[in-house]
């Protein structure tokens, strides 16, 4: 992953830490829970983009869905970085694991 992304994540975590009045443990939990909020916003945007709520109709665009998905990614990276200063290495190891598993599955078929 691009260094600029991790630099941005570090700046966001530093800023959030400075603004928070919570203990480290509480802050950690809330940053993980933030993911649920963001995933809910993805769901609301999909429902809005497809007009599945007849009372509201079409309220969102697919671009809104894209933006909400990015918010999920940002929130996940911030939560991971909050859990460990080695977030980049943890992420890269996990990505390699998923890629290997995916490759093995494709080779079986």
PDB file of N, CA and C in Angstrom:
ATOM      1  N   UNK A   1       0.855  -1.173   0.000  1.00  0.00           N
ATOM      2  CA  UNK A   1       0.000   0.000   0.000  1.00  0.00           C
ATOM      3  C   UNK A   1       0.896   1.230   0.000  1.00  0.00           C
ATOM      4  N   UNK A   2       0.474   2.230  -0.659  1.00  0.00           N
ATOM      5  CA  UNK A   2       1.213   3.472  -0.834  1.00  0.00           C
ATOM      6  C   UNK A   2       1.577   4.112   0.517  1.00  0.00           C
ATOM      7  N   UNK A   3       2.814   4.606   0.614  1.00  0.00           N
ATOM      8  CA  UNK A   3       3.278   5.282   1.839  1.00  0.00           C
ATOM      9  C   UNK A   3       2.385   6.460   2.212  1.00  0.00           C
ATOM     10  N   UNK A   4       1.853   7.155   1.209  1.00  0.00           N
ATOM     11  CA  UNK A   4       1.005   8.322   1.493  1.00  0.00           C
ATOM     12  C   UNK A   4      -0.241   7.928   2.280  1.00  0.00           C
ATOM     13  N   UNK A   5      -0.767   6.758   1.986  1.00  0.00           N
ATOM     14  CA  UNK A   5      -1.959   6.306   2.717  1.00  0.00           C
ATOM     15  C   UNK A   5      -1.619   6.107   4.182  1.00  0.00           C
ATOM     16  N   UNK A   6      -0.508   5.405   4.457  1.00  0.00           N
ATOM     17  CA  UNK A   6      -0.138   5.163   5.852  1.00  0.00           C
ATOM     18  C   UNK A   6       0.257   6.450   6.559  1.00  0.00           C
ATOM     19  N   UNK A   7       0.875   7.389   5.834  1.00  0.00           N
ATOM     20  CA  UNK A   7       1.182   8.693   6.429  1.00  0.00           C
ATOM     21  C   UNK A   7      -0.107   9.413   6.815  1.00  0.00           C
ATOM     22  N   UNK A   8      -1.102   9.343   5.952  1.00  0.00           N
ATOM     23  CA  UNK A   8      -2.403   9.954   6.245  1.00  0.00           C
ATOM     24  C   UNK A   8      -3.070   9.284   7.439  1.00  0.00           C
ATOM     25  N   UNK A   9      -3.004   7.954   7.480  1.00  0.00           N
ATOM     26  CA  UNK A   9      -3.584   7.222   8.613  1.00  0.00           C
ATOM     27  C   UNK A   9      -2.901   7.645   9.912  1.00  0.00           C
ATOM     28  N   UNK A  10      -1.579   7.742   9.900  1.00  0.00           N
ATOM     29  CA  UNK A  10      -0.852   8.178  11.100  1.00  0.00           C
ATOM     30  C   UNK A  10      -1.272   9.583  11.524  1.00  0.00           C
ATOM     31  N   UNK A  11      -1.433  10.490  10.563  1.00  0.00           N
ATOM     32  CA  UNK A  11      -1.872  11.848  10.907  1.00  0.00           C
ATOM     33  C   UNK A  11      -3.285  11.842  11.487  1.00  0.00           C
ATOM     34  N   UNK A  12      -4.169  11.036  10.899  1.00  0.00           N
ATOM     35  CA  UNK A  12      -5.540  10.947  11.429  1.00  0.00           C
ATOM     36  C   UNK A  12      -5.552  10.406  12.851  1.00  0.00           C
ATOM     37  N   UNK A  13      -4.776   9.359  13.104  1.00  0.00           N
ATOM     38  CA  UNK A  13      -4.732   8.765  14.444  1.00  0.00           C
ATOM     39  C   UNK A  13      -4.162   9.765  15.441  1.00  0.00           C
ATOM     40  N   UNK A  14      -3.117  10.471  15.063  1.00  0.00           N
ATOM     41  CA  UNK A  14      -2.532  11.485  15.952  1.00  0.00           C
ATOM     42  C   UNK A  14      -3.558  12.563  16.279  1.00  0.00           C
ATOM     43  N   UNK A  15      -4.248  13.040  15.259  1.00  0.00           N
ATOM     44  CA  UNK A  15      -5.271  14.066  15.462  1.00  0.00           C
ATOM     45  C   UNK A  15      -6.402  13.550  16.356  1.00  0.00           C
ATOM     46  N   UNK A  16      -6.893  12.351  16.073  1.00  0.00           N
ATOM     47  CA  UNK A  16      -7.971  11.781  16.885  1.00  0.00           C
ATOM     48  C   UNK A  16      -7.524  11.583  18.332  1.00  0.00           C
ATOM     49  N   UNK A  17      -6.288  11.120  18.521  1.00  0.00           N
ATOM     50  CA  UNK A  17      -5.756  10.941  19.881  1.00  0.00           C
ATOM     51  C   UNK A  17      -5.711  12.269  20.628  1.00  0.00           C
ATOM     52  N   UNK A  18      -5.307  13.330  19.943  1.00  0.00           N
ATOM     53  CA  UNK A  18      -5.212  14.649  20.577  1.00  0.00           C
ATOM     54  C   UNK A  18      -6.576  15.192  20.959  1.00  0.00           C
ATOM     55  N   UNK A  19      -7.579  14.871  20.157  1.00  0.00           N
ATOM     56  CA  UNK A  19      -8.925  15.399  20.388  1.00  0.00           C
ATOM     57  C   UNK A  19      -9.745  14.564  21.360  1.00  0.00           C
ATOM     58  N   UNK A  20      -9.303  13.359  21.633  1.00  0.00           N
ATOM     59  CA  UNK A  20     -10.075  12.437  22.461  1.00  0.00           C
ATOM     60  C   UNK A  20      -9.821  12.685  23.945  1.00  0.00           C
ATOM     61  N   UNK A  21     -10.874  12.595  24.714  1.00  0.00           N
ATOM     62  CA  UNK A  21     -10.744  12.664  26.157  1.00  0.00           C
ATOM     63  C   UNK A  21     -10.899  11.298  26.800  1.00  0.00           C
ATOM     64  N   UNK A  22     -10.900  10.263  25.991  1.00  0.00           N
ATOM     65  CA  UNK A  22     -11.143   8.908  26.480  1.00  0.00           C
ATOM     66  C   UNK A  22      -9.837   8.207  26.833  1.00  0.00           C
ATOM     67  N   UNK A  23      -9.963   7.160  27.612  1.00  0.00           N
ATOM     68  CA  UNK A  23      -8.800   6.316  27.890  1.00  0.00           C
ATOM     69  C   UNK A  23      -8.451   5.550  26.620  1.00  0.00           C
ATOM     70  N   UNK A  24      -7.218   5.037  26.569  1.00  0.00           N
ATOM     71  CA  UNK A  24      -6.775   4.292  25.398  1.00  0.00           C
ATOM     72  C   UNK A  24      -7.661   3.116  25.069  1.00  0.00           C
ATOM     73  N   UNK A  25      -8.084   2.379  26.098  1.00  0.00           N
ATOM     74  CA  UNK A  25      -8.938   1.213  25.869  1.00  0.00           C
ATOM     75  C   UNK A  25     -10.291   1.588  25.308  1.00  0.00           C
ATOM     76  N   UNK A  26     -10.896   2.641  25.863  1.00  0.00           N
ATOM     77  CA  UNK A  26     -12.192   3.093  25.361  1.00  0.00           C
ATOM     78  C   UNK A  26     -12.068   3.621  23.934  1.00  0.00           C
ATOM     79  N   UNK A  27     -11.001   4.364  23.690  1.00  0.00           N
ATOM     80  CA  UNK A  27     -10.792   4.914  22.349  1.00  0.00           C
ATOM     81  C   UNK A  27     -10.634   3.787  21.331  1.00  0.00           C
ATOM     82  N   UNK A  28      -9.891   2.778  21.698  1.00  0.00           N
ATOM     83  CA  UNK A  28      -9.667   1.625  20.817  1.00  0.00           C
ATOM     84  C   UNK A  28     -11.004   0.963  20.462  1.00  0.00           C
ATOM     85  N   UNK A  29     -11.820   0.720  21.470  1.00  0.00           N
ATOM     86  CA  UNK A  29     -13.120   0.080  21.221  1.00  0.00           C
ATOM     87  C   UNK A  29     -14.013   0.929  20.331  1.00  0.00           C
ATOM     88  N   UNK A  30     -14.038   2.220  20.592  1.00  0.00           N
ATOM     89  CA  UNK A  30     -14.913   3.086  19.802  1.00  0.00           C
ATOM     90  C   UNK A  30     -14.451   3.212  18.353  1.00  0.00           C
ATOM     91  N   UNK A  31     -13.149   3.169  18.138  1.00  0.00           N
ATOM     92  CA  UNK A  31     -12.669   3.226  16.751  1.00  0.00           C
ATOM     93  C   UNK A  31     -13.010   1.944  16.002  1.00  0.00           C
ATOM     94  N   UNK A  32     -13.058   0.841  16.699  1.00  0.00           N
ATOM     95  CA  UNK A  32     -13.491  -0.412  16.067  1.00  0.00           C
ATOM     96  C   UNK A  32     -14.991  -0.362  15.802  1.00  0.00           C
ATOM     97  N   UNK A  33     -15.758   0.139  16.761  1.00  0.00           N
ATOM     98  CA  UNK A  33     -17.204   0.252  16.574  1.00  0.00           C
ATOM     99  C   UNK A  33     -17.575   1.229  15.463  1.00  0.00           C
ATOM    100  N   UNK A  34     -16.718   2.200  15.206  1.00  0.00           N
ATOM    101  CA  UNK A  34     -16.956   3.163  14.129  1.00  0.00           C
ATOM    102  C   UNK A  34     -17.165   2.444  12.794  1.00  0.00           C
ATOM    103  N   UNK A  35     -16.524   1.294  12.642  1.00  0.00           N
ATOM    104  CA  UNK A  35     -16.706   0.506  11.417  1.00  0.00           C
ATOM    105  C   UNK A  35     -18.169   0.125  11.211  1.00  0.00           C
ATOM    106  N   UNK A  36     -18.844  -0.257  12.278  1.00  0.00           N
ATOM    107  CA  UNK A  36     -20.261  -0.633  12.165  1.00  0.00           C
ATOM    108  C   UNK A  36     -21.089   0.541  11.670  1.00  0.00           C
ATOM    109  N   UNK A  37     -20.799   1.712  12.191  1.00  0.00           N
ATOM    110  CA  UNK A  37     -21.511   2.905  11.746  1.00  0.00           C
ATOM    111  C   UNK A  37     -21.290   3.135  10.253  1.00  0.00           C
ATOM    112  N   UNK A  38     -20.038   3.032   9.826  1.00  0.00           N
ATOM    113  CA  UNK A  38     -19.719   3.288   8.423  1.00  0.00           C
ATOM    114  C   UNK A  38     -20.327   2.231   7.502  1.00  0.00           C
ATOM    115  N   UNK A  39     -20.312   0.966   7.920  1.00  0.00           N
ATOM    116  CA  UNK A  39     -20.934  -0.089   7.110  1.00  0.00           C
ATOM    117  C   UNK A  39     -22.438   0.166   6.999  1.00  0.00           C
ATOM    118  N   UNK A  40     -23.050   0.624   8.073  1.00  0.00           N
ATOM    119  CA  UNK A  40     -24.468   0.980   8.018  1.00  0.00           C
ATOM    120  C   UNK A  40     -24.740   2.082   7.002  1.00  0.00           C
ATOM    121  N   UNK A  41     -23.819   3.037   6.911  1.00  0.00           N
ATOM    122  CA  UNK A  41     -23.976   4.113   5.935  1.00  0.00           C
ATOM    123  C   UNK A  41     -23.834   3.589   4.505  1.00  0.00           C
ATOM    124  N   UNK A  42     -22.999   2.574   4.304  1.00  0.00           N
ATOM    125  CA  UNK A  42     -22.916   1.936   2.984  1.00  0.00           C
ATOM    126  C   UNK A  42     -24.273   1.320   2.649  1.00  0.00           C
ATOM    127  N   UNK A  43     -24.824   0.593   3.608  1.00  0.00           N
ATOM    128  CA  UNK A  43     -26.129  -0.031   3.389  1.00  0.00           C
ATOM    129  C   UNK A  43     -27.208   0.991   3.073  1.00  0.00           C
ATOM    130  N   UNK A  44     -27.227   2.086   3.810  1.00  0.00           N
ATOM    131  CA  UNK A  44     -28.221   3.133   3.561  1.00  0.00           C
ATOM    132  C   UNK A  44     -28.032   3.735   2.169  1.00  0.00           C
ATOM    133  N   UNK A  45     -26.768   3.910   1.754  1.00  0.00           N
ATOM    134  CA  UNK A  45     -26.505   4.474   0.428  1.00  0.00           C
ATOM    135  C   UNK A  45     -26.943   3.513  -0.679  1.00  0.00           C
ATOM    136  N   UNK A  46     -26.718   2.201  -0.490  1.00  0.00           N
ATOM    137  CA  UNK A  46     -27.153   1.222  -1.494  1.00  0.00           C
ATOM    138  C   UNK A  46     -28.676   1.217  -1.588  1.00  0.00           C
ATOM    139  N   UNK A  47     -29.336   1.205  -0.444  1.00  0.00           N
ATOM    140  CA  UNK A  47     -30.808   1.258  -0.448  1.00  0.00           C
ATOM    141  C   UNK A  47     -31.284   2.530  -1.131  1.00  0.00           C
ATOM    142  N   UNK A  48     -30.602   3.645  -0.834  1.00  0.00           N
ATOM    143  CA  UNK A  48     -30.972   4.909  -1.466  1.00  0.00           C
ATOM    144  C   UNK A  48     -30.677   4.952  -2.952  1.00  0.00           C
ATOM    145  N   UNK A  49     -29.589   4.327  -3.371  1.00  0.00           N
ATOM    146  CA  UNK A  49     -29.230   4.323  -4.801  1.00  0.00           C
ATOM    147  C   UNK A  49     -30.158   3.444  -5.619  1.00  0.00           C
ATOM    148  N   UNK A  50     -30.691   2.422  -4.985  1.00  0.00           N
ATOM    149  CA  UNK A  50     -31.598   1.515  -5.699  1.00  0.00           C
ATOM    150  C   UNK A  50     -33.069   1.855  -5.487  1.00  0.00           C
ATOM    151  N   UNK A  51     -33.338   2.843  -4.639  1.00  0.00           N
ATOM    152  CA  UNK A  51     -34.719   3.276  -4.399  1.00  0.00           C
ATOM    153  C   UNK A  51     -35.562   2.232  -3.691  1.00  0.00           C
ATOM    154  N   UNK A  52     -34.945   1.412  -2.857  1.00  0.00           N
ATOM    155  CA  UNK A  52     -35.649   0.304  -2.215  1.00  0.00           C
ATOM    156  C   UNK A  52     -36.568   0.725  -1.077  1.00  0.00           C
ATOM    157  N   UNK A  53     -36.479   1.956  -0.644  1.00  0.00           N
ATOM    158  CA  UNK A  53     -37.423   2.453   0.357  1.00  0.00           C
ATOM    159  C   UNK A  53     -38.490   3.243  -0.395  1.00  0.00           C
ATOM    160  N   UNK A  54     -39.689   2.650  -0.560  1.00  0.00           N
ATOM    161  CA  UNK A  54     -40.711   3.301  -1.378  1.00  0.00           C
ATOM    162  C   UNK A  54     -41.146   4.659  -0.818  1.00  0.00           C
ATOM    163  N   UNK A  55     -41.001   4.833   0.463  1.00  0.00           N
ATOM    164  CA  UNK A  55     -41.382   6.103   1.072  1.00  0.00           C
ATOM    165  C   UNK A  55     -40.425   7.219   0.663  1.00  0.00           C
ATOM    166  N   UNK A  56     -39.146   6.869   0.448  1.00  0.00           N
ATOM    167  CA  UNK A  56     -38.138   7.881   0.133  1.00  0.00           C
ATOM    168  C   UNK A  56     -37.744   7.908  -1.341  1.00  0.00           C
ATOM    169  N   UNK A  57     -37.822   6.762  -2.008  1.00  0.00           N
ATOM    170  CA  UNK A  57     -37.393   6.696  -3.404  1.00  0.00           C
ATOM    171  C   UNK A  57     -35.870   6.715  -3.514  1.00  0.00           C
ATOM    172  N   UNK A  58     -35.370   7.190  -4.628  1.00  0.00           N
ATOM    173  CA  UNK A  58     -33.924   7.256  -4.863  1.00  0.00           C
ATOM    174  C   UNK A  58     -33.383   8.482  -4.137  1.00  0.00           C
ATOM    175  N   UNK A  59     -32.501   8.238  -3.175  1.00  0.00           N
ATOM    176  CA  UNK A  59     -31.953   9.323  -2.354  1.00  0.00           C
ATOM    177  C   UNK A  59     -30.442   9.432  -2.451  1.00  0.00           C
ATOM    178  N   UNK A  60     -29.799   8.438  -3.057  1.00  0.00           N
ATOM    179  CA  UNK A  60     -28.342   8.408  -3.150  1.00  0.00           C
ATOM    180  C   UNK A  60     -27.937   8.005  -4.562  1.00  0.00           C
ATOM    181  N   UNK A  61     -26.670   8.248  -4.872  1.00  0.00           N
ATOM    182  CA  UNK A  61     -26.102   7.810  -6.144  1.00  0.00           C
ATOM    183  C   UNK A  61     -25.095   6.694  -5.868  1.00  0.00           C
ATOM    184  N   UNK A  62     -24.644   6.031  -6.934  1.00  0.00           N
ATOM    185  CA  UNK A  62     -23.604   5.015  -6.761  1.00  0.00           C
ATOM    186  C   UNK A  62     -22.285   5.672  -6.368  1.00  0.00           C
ATOM    187  N   UNK A  63     -22.129   6.928  -6.710  1.00  0.00           N
ATOM    188  CA  UNK A  63     -20.947   7.667  -6.243  1.00  0.00           C
ATOM    189  C   UNK A  63     -20.994   7.813  -4.717  1.00  0.00           C
ATOM    190  N   UNK A  64     -22.186   8.022  -4.164  1.00  0.00           N
ATOM    191  CA  UNK A  64     -22.327   8.064  -2.697  1.00  0.00           C
ATOM    192  C   UNK A  64     -21.896   6.734  -2.084  1.00  0.00           C
ATOM    193  N   UNK A  65     -22.264   5.626  -2.734  1.00  0.00           N
ATOM    194  CA  UNK A  65     -21.867   4.301  -2.242  1.00  0.00           C
ATOM    195  C   UNK A  65     -20.344   4.188  -2.256  1.00  0.00           C
ATOM    196  N   UNK A  66     -19.720   4.635  -3.342  1.00  0.00           N
ATOM    197  CA  UNK A  66     -18.254   4.610  -3.420  1.00  0.00           C
ATOM    198  C   UNK A  66     -17.634   5.388  -2.257  1.00  0.00           C
ATOM    199  N   UNK A  67     -18.157   6.576  -1.993  1.00  0.00           N
ATOM    200  CA  UNK A  67     -17.618   7.403  -0.907  1.00  0.00           C
ATOM    201  C   UNK A  67     -17.771   6.712   0.442  1.00  0.00           C
ATOM    202  N   UNK A  68     -18.923   6.101   0.654  1.00  0.00           N
ATOM    203  CA  UNK A  68     -19.155   5.419   1.931  1.00  0.00           C
ATOM    204  C   UNK A  68     -18.226   4.204   2.072  1.00  0.00           C
ATOM    205  N   UNK A  69     -17.980   3.492   0.974  1.00  0.00           N
ATOM    206  CA  UNK A  69     -17.031   2.375   1.031  1.00  0.00           C
ATOM    207  C   UNK A  69     -15.629   2.866   1.394  1.00  0.00           C
ATOM    208  N   UNK A  70     -15.241   3.998   0.843  1.00  0.00           N
ATOM    209  CA  UNK A  70     -13.937   4.575   1.216  1.00  0.00           C
ATOM    210  C   UNK A  70     -13.899   4.901   2.702  1.00  0.00           C
ATOM    211  N   UNK A  71     -15.005   5.417   3.248  1.00  0.00           N
ATOM    212  CA  UNK A  71     -15.053   5.719   4.685  1.00  0.00           C
ATOM    213  C   UNK A  71     -14.864   4.454   5.514  1.00  0.00           C
ATOM    214  N   UNK A  72     -15.402   3.319   5.039  1.00  0.00           N
ATOM    215  CA  UNK A  72     -15.198   2.043   5.730  1.00  0.00           C
ATOM    216  C   UNK A  72     -13.712   1.695   5.745  1.00  0.00           C
ATOM    217  N   UNK A  73     -13.071   1.841   4.593  1.00  0.00           N
ATOM    218  CA  UNK A  73     -11.638   1.528   4.503  1.00  0.00           C
ATOM    219  C   UNK A  73     -10.839   2.433   5.429  1.00  0.00           C
ATOM    220  N   UNK A  74     -11.110   3.739   5.396  1.00  0.00           N
ATOM    221  CA  UNK A  74     -10.387   4.672   6.273  1.00  0.00           C
ATOM    222  C   UNK A  74     -10.570   4.290   7.730  1.00  0.00           C
ATOM    223  N   UNK A  75     -11.806   4.013   8.101  1.00  0.00           N
ATOM    224  CA  UNK A  75     -12.099   3.672   9.502  1.00  0.00           C
ATOM    225  C   UNK A  75     -11.385   2.393   9.918  1.00  0.00           C
ATOM    226  N   UNK A  76     -11.331   1.417   9.023  1.00  0.00           N
ATOM    227  CA  UNK A  76     -10.646   0.159   9.336  1.00  0.00           C
ATOM    228  C   UNK A  76      -9.151   0.385   9.515  1.00  0.00           C
ATOM    229  N   UNK A  77      -8.554   1.189   8.645  1.00  0.00           N
ATOM    230  CA  UNK A  77      -7.121   1.453   8.770  1.00  0.00           C
ATOM    231  C   UNK A  77      -6.801   2.238  10.035  1.00  0.00           C
ATOM    232  N   UNK A  78      -7.650   3.194  10.383  1.00  0.00           N
ATOM    233  CA  UNK A  78      -7.456   3.946  11.625  1.00  0.00           C
ATOM    234  C   UNK A  78      -7.608   3.022  12.831  1.00  0.00           C
ATOM    235  N   UNK A  79      -8.604   2.144  12.805  1.00  0.00           N
ATOM    236  CA  UNK A  79      -8.785   1.206  13.917  1.00  0.00           C
ATOM    237  C   UNK A  79      -7.581   0.274  14.031  1.00  0.00           C
ATOM    238  N   UNK A  80      -7.101  -0.239  12.909  1.00  0.00           N
ATOM    239  CA  UNK A  80      -5.933  -1.122  12.927  1.00  0.00           C
ATOM    240  C   UNK A  80      -4.715  -0.386  13.467  1.00  0.00           C
ATOM    241  N   UNK A  81      -4.502   0.838  13.013  1.00  0.00           N
ATOM    242  CA  UNK A  81      -3.349   1.622  13.473  1.00  0.00           C
ATOM    243  C   UNK A  81      -3.473   1.960  14.948  1.00  0.00           C
ATOM    244  N   UNK A  82      -4.694   2.122  15.436  1.00  0.00           N
ATOM    245  CA  UNK A  82      -4.923   2.381  16.857  1.00  0.00           C
ATOM    246  C   UNK A  82      -4.555   1.156  17.682  1.00  0.00           C
ATOM    247  N   UNK A  83      -4.798  -0.037  17.129  1.00  0.00           N
ATOM    248  CA  UNK A  83      -4.475  -1.276  17.833  1.00  0.00           C
ATOM    249  C   UNK A  83      -2.982  -1.566  17.872  1.00  0.00           C
ATOM    250  N   UNK A  84      -2.272  -1.180  16.809  1.00  0.00           N
ATOM    251  CA  UNK A  84      -0.856  -1.523  16.741  1.00  0.00           C
ATOM    252  C   UNK A  84      -0.067  -0.483  15.956  1.00  0.00           C
ATOM    253  N   UNK A  85       1.100  -0.123  16.437  1.00  0.00           N
ATOM    254  CA  UNK A  85       1.953   0.776  15.652  1.00  0.00           C
ATOM    255  C   UNK A  85       2.496   0.083  14.400  1.00  0.00           C
ATOM    256  N   UNK A  86       2.384  -1.240  14.346  1.00  0.00           N
ATOM    257  CA  UNK A  86       2.847  -2.018  13.204  1.00  0.00           C
ATOM    258  C   UNK A  86       1.724  -2.322  12.216  1.00  0.00           C
ATOM    259  N   UNK A  87       0.764  -1.421  12.117  1.00  0.00           N
ATOM    260  CA  UNK A  87      -0.417  -1.650  11.280  1.00  0.00           C
ATOM    261  C   UNK A  87      -0.051  -1.979   9.840  1.00  0.00           C
ATOM    262  N   UNK A  88       0.914  -1.274   9.307  1.00  0.00           N
ATOM    263  CA  UNK A  88       1.298  -1.517   7.915  1.00  0.00           C
ATOM    264  C   UNK A  88       1.779  -2.955   7.729  1.00  0.00           C
ATOM    265  N   UNK A  89       2.647  -3.421   8.620  1.00  0.00           N
ATOM    266  CA  UNK A  89       3.178  -4.780   8.510  1.00  0.00           C
ATOM    267  C   UNK A  89       2.080  -5.818   8.710  1.00  0.00           C
ATOM    268  N   UNK A  90       1.196  -5.567   9.679  1.00  0.00           N
ATOM    269  CA  UNK A  90       0.074  -6.483   9.923  1.00  0.00           C
ATOM    270  C   UNK A  90      -0.793  -6.571   8.671  1.00  0.00           C
ATOM    271  N   UNK A  91      -1.093  -5.432   8.086  1.00  0.00           N
ATOM    272  CA  UNK A  91      -1.926  -5.393   6.886  1.00  0.00           C
ATOM    273  C   UNK A  91      -1.253  -6.129   5.729  1.00  0.00           C
ATOM    274  N   UNK A  92       0.036  -5.849   5.523  1.00  0.00           N
ATOM    275  CA  UNK A  92       0.743  -6.472   4.398  1.00  0.00           C
ATOM    276  C   UNK A  92       0.850  -7.988   4.563  1.00  0.00           C
ATOM    277  N   UNK A  93       1.071  -8.454   5.802  1.00  0.00           N
ATOM    278  CA  UNK A  93       1.114  -9.905   6.040  1.00  0.00           C
ATOM    279  C   UNK A  93      -0.245 -10.534   5.756  1.00  0.00           C
ATOM    280  N   UNK A  94      -1.288  -9.875   6.207  1.00  0.00           N
ATOM    281  CA  UNK A  94      -2.624 -10.425   5.995  1.00  0.00           C
ATOM    282  C   UNK A  94      -2.996 -10.421   4.514  1.00  0.00           C
ATOM    283  N   UNK A  95      -2.639  -9.366   3.817  1.00  0.00           N
ATOM    284  CA  UNK A  95      -2.901  -9.302   2.386  1.00  0.00           C
ATOM    285  C   UNK A  95      -2.163 -10.426   1.658  1.00  0.00           C
ATOM    286  N   UNK A  96      -0.921 -10.668   2.019  1.00  0.00           N
ATOM    287  CA  UNK A  96      -0.148 -11.760   1.403  1.00  0.00           C
ATOM    288  C   UNK A  96      -0.811 -13.103   1.684  1.00  0.00           C
ATOM    289  N   UNK A  97      -1.293 -13.292   2.902  1.00  0.00           N
ATOM    290  CA  UNK A  97      -1.982 -14.529   3.269  1.00  0.00           C
ATOM    291  C   UNK A  97      -3.232 -14.727   2.402  1.00  0.00           C
ATOM    292  N   UNK A  98      -4.030 -13.677   2.260  1.00  0.00           N
ATOM    293  CA  UNK A  98      -5.262 -13.765   1.467  1.00  0.00           C
ATOM    294  C   UNK A  98      -4.935 -14.024   0.002  1.00  0.00           C
ATOM    295  N   UNK A  99      -3.905 -13.362  -0.508  1.00  0.00           N
ATOM    296  CA  UNK A  99      -3.497 -13.597  -1.893  1.00  0.00           C
ATOM    297  C   UNK A  99      -3.042 -15.034  -2.098  1.00  0.00           C
ATOM    298  N   UNK A 100      -2.242 -15.559  -1.168  1.00  0.00           N
ATOM    299  CA  UNK A 100      -1.779 -16.946  -1.277  1.00  0.00           C
ATOM    300  C   UNK A 100      -2.949 -17.918  -1.247  1.00  0.00           C
ATOM    301  N   UNK A 101      -3.863 -17.691  -0.335  1.00  0.00           N
ATOM    302  CA  UNK A 101      -5.037 -18.556  -0.215  1.00  0.00           C
ATOM    303  C   UNK A 101      -5.884 -18.506  -1.483  1.00  0.00           C
ATOM    304  N   UNK A 102      -6.043 -17.312  -2.018  1.00  0.00           N
ATOM    305  CA  UNK A 102      -6.806 -17.145  -3.248  1.00  0.00           C
ATOM    306  C   UNK A 102      -6.111 -17.843  -4.411  1.00  0.00           C
ATOM    307  N   UNK A 103      -4.815 -17.696  -4.499  1.00  0.00           N
ATOM    308  CA  UNK A 103      -4.036 -18.337  -5.580  1.00  0.00           C
ATOM    309  C   UNK A 103      -4.175 -19.854  -5.480  1.00  0.00           C
ATOM    310  N   UNK A 104      -4.047 -20.379  -4.288  1.00  0.00           N
ATOM    311  CA  UNK A 104      -4.163 -21.839  -4.096  1.00  0.00           C
ATOM    312  C   UNK A 104      -5.547 -22.332  -4.502  1.00  0.00           C
ATOM    313  N   UNK A 105      -6.566 -21.557  -4.173  1.00  0.00           N
ATOM    314  CA  UNK A 105      -7.924 -21.940  -4.537  1.00  0.00           C
ATOM    315  C   UNK A 105      -8.121 -21.930  -6.046  1.00  0.00           C
ATOM    316  N   UNK A 106      -7.569 -20.936  -6.713  1.00  0.00           N
ATOM    317  CA  UNK A 106      -7.697 -20.858  -8.175  1.00  0.00           C
ATOM    318  C   UNK A 106      -6.951 -21.998  -8.844  1.00  0.00           C
ATOM    319  N   UNK A 107      -5.803 -22.383  -8.291  1.00  0.00           N
ATOM    320  CA  UNK A 107      -4.996 -23.463  -8.880  1.00  0.00           C
ATOM    321  C   UNK A 107      -5.682 -24.823  -8.728  1.00  0.00           C
ATOM    322  N   UNK A 108      -6.490 -24.982  -7.699  1.00  0.00           N
ATOM    323  CA  UNK A 108      -7.242 -26.233  -7.518  1.00  0.00           C
ATOM    324  C   UNK A 108      -8.282 -26.418  -8.608  1.00  0.00           C
ATOM    325  N   UNK A 109      -8.835 -25.307  -9.038  1.00  0.00           N
ATOM    326  CA  UNK A 109      -9.949 -25.365 -10.009  1.00  0.00           C
ATOM    327  C   UNK A 109      -9.406 -25.358 -11.358  1.00  0.00           C
TER     328      UNK A 109
END
